Amino acid sequence: MATQIPVFVISLKNSSERRRRLEAHFKKIGLAFEWYDAIYGKDLSEDDVAACCNIEAVKNSPNWLTRSAIGCALSHYNIYKEIVRRQLPYAIIFEDDVVLKKGFEKHIESLVPKLKKNEVISLFYQSWEPLQLVKNTGIEFDKGHKLYEVADMMQPISAAAYLITLDACKTLSASILPIKYTADSWGEFRKNGSFESFRCAYPRLVDVIDAKSTIQYLEDDWKGKLMKWIDNNKVFPVYQYLRYKRKKNRQKMMNVEIVDTTKNTSHV
C-alpha cells in the first residue's frame, strides 16, 4: 500500500500452523501487520467472566456466549482500545483464517477515502439467509467494487476481516463491557449506538480458509469437544462428512442479494 494502513491479526499464540500460513501469505504481497495474541476463553475463570460479562446474557445464551466466544469478544475489544491508545485514524482487523483476494491493497487504497468518521466496513461477511445489500446506497470505490448499506443490520455476521475508524473504536470500546454479545453481533452494536455506520465492501475483498475458527470455537459442551477431537484426528468418515457439511453451510451463508428497500432486484 502506498500509505501503510495498520493491520492487526488476532490469533491464539499457539496456533503455529495458522501463523506460518498467514505470514507466508502476507509476505508474498508485502503486507505489514502485527500479531495480537487472542485471549483463550478456556483460560477465563468464573471470576473473570463475572468481571467482564453480563451474567444474565451468558446464562440466557450458554451455547452462544461460550468461553471461546467471550475470549474472542475480549480480543477484539482490546484491539479497539489499542487503536484508541495509539490514535490511529483507522485500521484493519483480521482473524488468522483470512485469505486476501487479488488486488486487495489497491482496493483498500481506493476504499479509505470513502470512509465515514464513525464506521465499520466489513471486508468479509456471512449471513444465515442471503445478505441483502441496498442497491441505492451503493458507492463505487474501485472499478467493479462498491460499498453498500445492508437492509437488515441483524443479518451480517463474521468479524474475520473489517476496516474500522478511530471514532468507531472509541464508541465500541466504551459500550462493549459488560459483554453480552459476540464480537460479530454488528446488528446489536448498531442498535445500541456503538458505531454510526456499517457498510459491506462488495464483492468481498477477503475470503477465509475452509476451517473452523480457533478463537471462537463452540467447544464448551461435549458435542463441541467431540467435533474438535474428530477434526484434530481426521476420523474417517465422520471428518470428511463434517468438512462437506461445513463447506455446504459456508456456501449458503455467502449468498448476497442486491435489493431495493423492500423488493429484491437480483441474486448473486
Protein backbone atom coordinates (compact mmCIF):
# COMPACT_ATOMS: atom_id res chain seq x y z
CA MET A 1 0.00 0.00 0.00
CA ALA A 2 1.23 3.50 -0.80
CA THR A 3 0.33 4.56 2.73
CA GLN A 4 0.57 1.61 5.08
CA ILE A 5 -2.68 1.03 6.92
CA PRO A 6 -2.19 -0.50 10.38
CA VAL A 7 -3.16 -4.18 10.28
CA PHE A 8 -3.84 -6.30 13.36
CA VAL A 9 -4.24 -10.07 13.22
CA ILE A 10 -5.93 -11.84 16.12
CA SER A 11 -4.55 -15.32 16.67
CA LEU A 12 -4.02 -17.74 19.50
CA LYS A 13 -0.36 -17.72 20.43
CA ASN A 14 -0.06 -21.49 19.98
CA SER A 15 -1.73 -21.53 16.52
CA SER A 16 1.65 -22.06 14.85
CA GLU A 17 0.34 -23.63 11.64
CA ARG A 18 -2.10 -20.79 11.01
CA ARG A 19 0.52 -18.20 11.82
CA ARG A 20 3.00 -19.73 9.38
CA ARG A 21 0.38 -19.80 6.64
CA LEU A 22 -0.65 -16.19 7.19
CA GLU A 23 2.92 -14.89 7.45
CA ALA A 24 3.75 -16.51 4.11
CA HIS A 25 0.54 -15.20 2.54
CA PHE A 26 1.08 -11.61 3.68
CA LYS A 27 4.81 -11.68 2.92
CA LYS A 28 4.03 -12.63 -0.66
CA ILE A 29 2.13 -9.37 -1.18
CA GLY A 30 4.31 -7.28 1.13
CA LEU A 31 1.61 -6.54 3.69
CA ALA A 32 2.98 -5.50 7.09
CA PHE A 33 0.93 -6.47 10.14
CA GLU A 34 1.02 -7.01 13.90
CA TRP A 35 0.03 -10.16 15.73
CA TYR A 36 -2.38 -9.75 18.59
CA ASP A 37 -2.38 -12.74 20.91
CA ALA A 38 -6.01 -13.73 21.27
CA ILE A 39 -7.45 -14.29 24.71
CA TYR A 40 -8.05 -18.01 25.11
CA GLY A 41 -11.53 -18.21 26.53
CA LYS A 42 -10.95 -21.57 28.19
CA ASP A 43 -8.42 -19.88 30.49
CA LEU A 44 -11.04 -17.46 31.81
CA SER A 45 -12.08 -18.23 35.38
CA GLU A 46 -15.58 -17.80 36.77
CA ASP A 47 -14.39 -14.58 38.40
CA ASP A 48 -13.00 -13.35 35.07
CA VAL A 49 -16.33 -13.98 33.36
CA ALA A 50 -18.24 -12.31 36.18
CA ALA A 51 -15.97 -9.26 35.94
CA CYS A 52 -16.27 -8.72 32.18
CA CYS A 53 -19.65 -10.15 31.19
CA ASN A 54 -23.33 -9.56 31.64
CA ILE A 55 -24.01 -12.76 33.54
CA GLU A 56 -27.70 -12.83 32.65
CA ALA A 57 -26.81 -12.70 28.95
CA VAL A 58 -24.33 -15.55 29.41
CA LYS A 59 -26.92 -17.63 31.25
CA ASN A 60 -29.55 -16.94 28.60
CA SER A 61 -27.23 -17.89 25.70
CA PRO A 62 -24.95 -20.61 27.07
CA ASN A 63 -24.43 -22.19 23.65
CA TRP A 64 -23.59 -18.85 22.03
CA LEU A 65 -21.74 -16.83 24.67
CA THR A 66 -19.32 -19.63 25.42
CA ARG A 67 -15.90 -19.10 26.99
CA SER A 68 -14.41 -19.15 23.49
CA ALA A 69 -16.84 -16.51 22.21
CA ILE A 70 -16.17 -14.35 25.26
CA GLY A 71 -12.42 -14.61 24.70
CA CYS A 72 -12.95 -13.62 21.06
CA ALA A 73 -15.06 -10.61 22.06
CA LEU A 74 -12.41 -9.51 24.56
CA SER A 75 -9.69 -9.85 21.92
CA HIS A 76 -11.48 -7.50 19.52
CA TYR A 77 -12.31 -5.14 22.39
CA ASN A 78 -8.66 -4.91 23.41
CA ILE A 79 -7.60 -4.06 19.87
CA TYR A 80 -10.17 -1.24 19.79
CA LYS A 81 -8.56 0.12 22.95
CA GLU A 82 -5.10 -0.20 21.40
CA ILE A 83 -6.20 1.71 18.29
CA VAL A 84 -7.58 4.44 20.55
CA ARG A 85 -4.38 4.47 22.64
CA ARG A 86 -2.27 4.98 19.52
CA GLN A 87 -4.77 7.41 17.98
CA LEU A 88 -4.73 5.53 14.68
CA PRO A 89 -7.21 7.14 12.26
CA TYR A 90 -8.24 3.70 11.02
CA ALA A 91 -7.02 0.11 10.99
CA ILE A 92 -7.77 -3.29 9.53
CA ILE A 93 -8.56 -6.14 11.90
CA PHE A 94 -8.18 -9.73 10.72
CA GLU A 95 -8.61 -13.10 12.30
CA ASP A 96 -6.00 -15.67 11.34
CA ASP A 97 -8.05 -17.66 8.82
CA VAL A 98 -8.24 -14.93 6.16
CA VAL A 99 -7.18 -15.10 2.52
CA LEU A 100 -6.80 -11.77 0.73
CA LYS A 101 -8.31 -11.61 -2.74
CA LYS A 102 -6.38 -10.40 -5.77
CA GLY A 103 -5.93 -6.64 -5.81
CA PHE A 104 -6.66 -6.28 -2.08
CA GLU A 105 -4.15 -3.49 -1.47
CA LYS A 106 -5.33 -1.42 -4.42
CA HIS A 107 -8.96 -1.83 -3.40
CA ILE A 108 -8.22 -0.75 0.17
CA GLU A 109 -6.35 2.34 -1.00
CA SER A 110 -9.39 3.31 -3.05
CA LEU A 111 -11.77 2.49 -0.20
CA VAL A 112 -10.14 4.55 2.57
CA PRO A 113 -11.13 7.97 1.13
CA LYS A 114 -14.78 6.82 1.21
CA LEU A 115 -14.71 6.10 4.95
CA LYS A 116 -17.17 7.89 7.17
CA LYS A 117 -15.97 9.24 10.51
CA ASN A 118 -17.50 6.60 12.77
CA GLU A 119 -17.74 3.47 10.68
CA VAL A 120 -17.09 -0.23 10.31
CA ILE A 121 -16.52 -1.60 6.80
CA SER A 122 -16.94 -5.36 6.56
CA LEU A 123 -14.47 -6.93 4.14
CA PHE A 124 -15.75 -10.47 4.73
CA TYR A 125 -19.30 -11.19 5.81
CA GLN A 126 -21.76 -14.03 6.08
CA SER A 127 -25.44 -14.35 6.88
CA TRP A 128 -27.81 -17.17 7.82
CA GLU A 129 -30.08 -16.02 4.99
CA PRO A 130 -28.97 -14.25 1.77
CA LEU A 131 -27.48 -10.94 2.88
CA GLN A 132 -29.49 -8.06 1.43
CA LEU A 133 -27.45 -5.07 0.29
CA VAL A 134 -29.45 -1.93 -0.55
CA LYS A 135 -29.00 -1.00 -4.20
CA ASN A 136 -29.41 2.78 -3.99
CA THR A 137 -26.78 3.06 -1.22
CA GLY A 138 -24.04 1.66 -3.44
CA ILE A 139 -20.97 3.89 -3.76
CA GLU A 140 -18.20 2.77 -6.09
CA PHE A 141 -14.74 2.87 -4.51
CA ASP A 142 -12.88 0.97 -7.22
CA LYS A 143 -13.81 -0.44 -10.61
CA GLY A 144 -16.39 -3.16 -10.08
CA HIS A 145 -16.42 -2.66 -6.29
CA LYS A 146 -18.94 -0.78 -4.18
CA LEU A 147 -19.80 -0.05 -0.58
CA TYR A 148 -23.36 -0.93 0.39
CA GLU A 149 -25.52 -0.50 3.44
CA VAL A 150 -27.45 -3.59 4.50
CA ALA A 151 -31.23 -3.79 4.56
CA ASP A 152 -31.28 -5.54 7.94
CA MET A 153 -28.41 -4.95 10.33
CA MET A 154 -29.25 -8.14 12.20
CA GLN A 155 -28.16 -10.17 9.15
CA PRO A 156 -24.39 -9.68 8.74
CA ILE A 157 -22.08 -11.78 10.87
CA SER A 158 -18.34 -12.54 10.97
CA ALA A 159 -15.55 -10.48 12.49
CA ALA A 160 -12.90 -12.18 10.33
CA ALA A 161 -11.97 -9.03 8.38
CA TYR A 162 -13.02 -5.41 8.69
CA LEU A 163 -11.78 -1.85 8.41
CA ILE A 164 -12.61 0.36 11.37
CA THR A 165 -12.16 4.03 12.16
CA LEU A 166 -10.78 5.60 15.32
CA ASP A 167 -14.15 7.06 16.28
CA ALA A 168 -15.85 3.68 15.89
CA CYS A 169 -13.18 2.14 18.13
CA LYS A 170 -13.86 4.81 20.72
CA THR A 171 -17.62 4.24 20.79
CA LEU A 172 -17.37 0.46 20.58
CA SER A 173 -14.77 0.18 23.34
CA ALA A 174 -16.92 2.40 25.53
CA SER A 175 -20.01 0.23 25.09
CA ILE A 176 -18.89 -3.41 24.87
CA LEU A 177 -18.39 -4.11 28.56
CA PRO A 178 -20.00 -5.89 30.24
CA ILE A 179 -20.04 -8.36 27.34
CA LYS A 180 -23.46 -9.55 26.29
CA TYR A 181 -22.86 -10.04 22.56
CA THR A 182 -20.37 -11.93 20.44
CA ALA A 183 -17.69 -10.00 18.53
CA ASP A 184 -19.66 -10.14 15.27
CA SER A 185 -23.04 -9.03 16.63
CA TRP A 186 -22.98 -5.98 14.37
CA GLY A 187 -26.73 -5.50 14.44
CA GLU A 188 -26.84 -5.34 18.24
CA PHE A 189 -23.89 -2.93 18.31
CA ARG A 190 -25.52 -0.69 15.69
CA LYS A 191 -28.85 -0.75 17.55
CA ASN A 192 -27.09 0.33 20.74
CA GLY A 193 -25.27 3.19 19.02
CA SER A 194 -21.83 1.58 19.33
CA PHE A 195 -20.97 2.98 15.89
CA GLU A 196 -22.75 5.25 13.44
CA SER A 197 -22.28 3.48 10.12
CA PHE A 198 -21.77 -0.07 8.86
CA ARG A 199 -21.23 -0.97 5.22
CA CYS A 200 -20.09 -4.00 3.27
CA ALA A 201 -17.47 -3.98 0.53
CA TYR A 202 -18.93 -5.88 -2.41
CA PRO A 203 -17.67 -8.11 -3.86
CA ARG A 204 -15.85 -9.29 -0.74
CA LEU A 205 -12.19 -8.28 -0.57
CA VAL A 206 -11.33 -11.20 1.70
CA ASP A 207 -12.13 -14.88 1.93
CA VAL A 208 -11.42 -17.39 4.71
CA ILE A 209 -9.87 -20.83 4.67
CA ASP A 210 -12.19 -23.81 4.93
CA ALA A 211 -11.60 -24.49 8.60
CA LYS A 212 -13.22 -23.78 11.94
CA SER A 213 -12.21 -20.69 13.83
CA THR A 214 -9.72 -21.40 16.60
CA ILE A 215 -10.63 -18.31 18.63
CA GLN A 216 -14.40 -18.66 18.51
CA TYR A 217 -14.76 -22.41 18.54
CA LEU A 218 -18.07 -23.53 20.02
CA GLU A 219 -16.47 -26.27 22.11
CA ASP A 220 -17.76 -25.66 25.61
CA ASP A 221 -20.20 -28.59 25.55
CA TRP A 222 -19.49 -32.27 24.89
CA LYS A 223 -20.65 -32.05 21.27
CA GLY A 224 -18.18 -29.26 20.52
CA LYS A 225 -15.36 -31.16 22.19
CA LEU A 226 -16.23 -34.30 20.24
CA MET A 227 -16.23 -32.43 16.93
CA LYS A 228 -12.88 -30.84 17.76
CA TRP A 229 -11.44 -34.29 18.52
CA ILE A 230 -12.79 -35.62 15.22
CA ASP A 231 -11.30 -32.64 13.36
CA ASN A 232 -7.90 -32.96 15.02
CA ASN A 233 -7.70 -36.70 14.40
CA LYS A 234 -9.37 -36.68 10.97
CA VAL A 235 -11.59 -39.59 11.95
CA PHE A 236 -12.88 -41.31 8.81
CA PRO A 237 -15.61 -41.00 7.56
CA VAL A 238 -17.06 -38.52 10.08
CA TYR A 239 -14.30 -35.96 9.44
CA GLN A 240 -14.93 -36.00 5.69
CA TYR A 241 -18.68 -35.67 6.22
CA LEU A 242 -18.28 -32.74 8.62
CA ARG A 243 -15.96 -30.96 6.16
CA TYR A 244 -18.50 -31.46 3.37
CA LYS A 245 -21.34 -30.21 5.56
CA ARG A 246 -19.28 -27.22 6.71
CA LYS A 247 -18.46 -26.34 3.11
CA LYS A 248 -22.13 -26.54 2.07
CA ASN A 249 -23.23 -24.39 5.03
CA ARG A 250 -20.49 -21.87 4.28
CA GLN A 251 -21.54 -21.59 0.64
CA LYS A 252 -25.13 -20.97 1.72
CA MET A 253 -24.05 -18.26 4.16
CA MET A 254 -22.09 -16.46 1.42
CA ASN A 255 -25.18 -15.64 -0.68
CA VAL A 256 -25.84 -11.96 -1.35
CA GLU A 257 -28.82 -10.14 -2.82
CA ILE A 258 -28.81 -6.60 -4.22
CA VAL A 259 -32.24 -5.23 -3.33
CA ASP A 260 -34.35 -2.13 -3.32
CA THR A 261 -35.51 -1.15 0.16
CA THR A 262 -38.34 -3.69 0.01
CA LYS A 263 -38.06 -5.58 -3.27
CA ASN A 264 -35.28 -7.89 -4.44
CA THR A 265 -33.75 -6.91 -7.78
CA SER A 266 -31.05 -9.53 -8.31
CA HIS A 267 -29.50 -12.57 -6.73
CA VAL A 268 -25.78 -13.41 -6.65
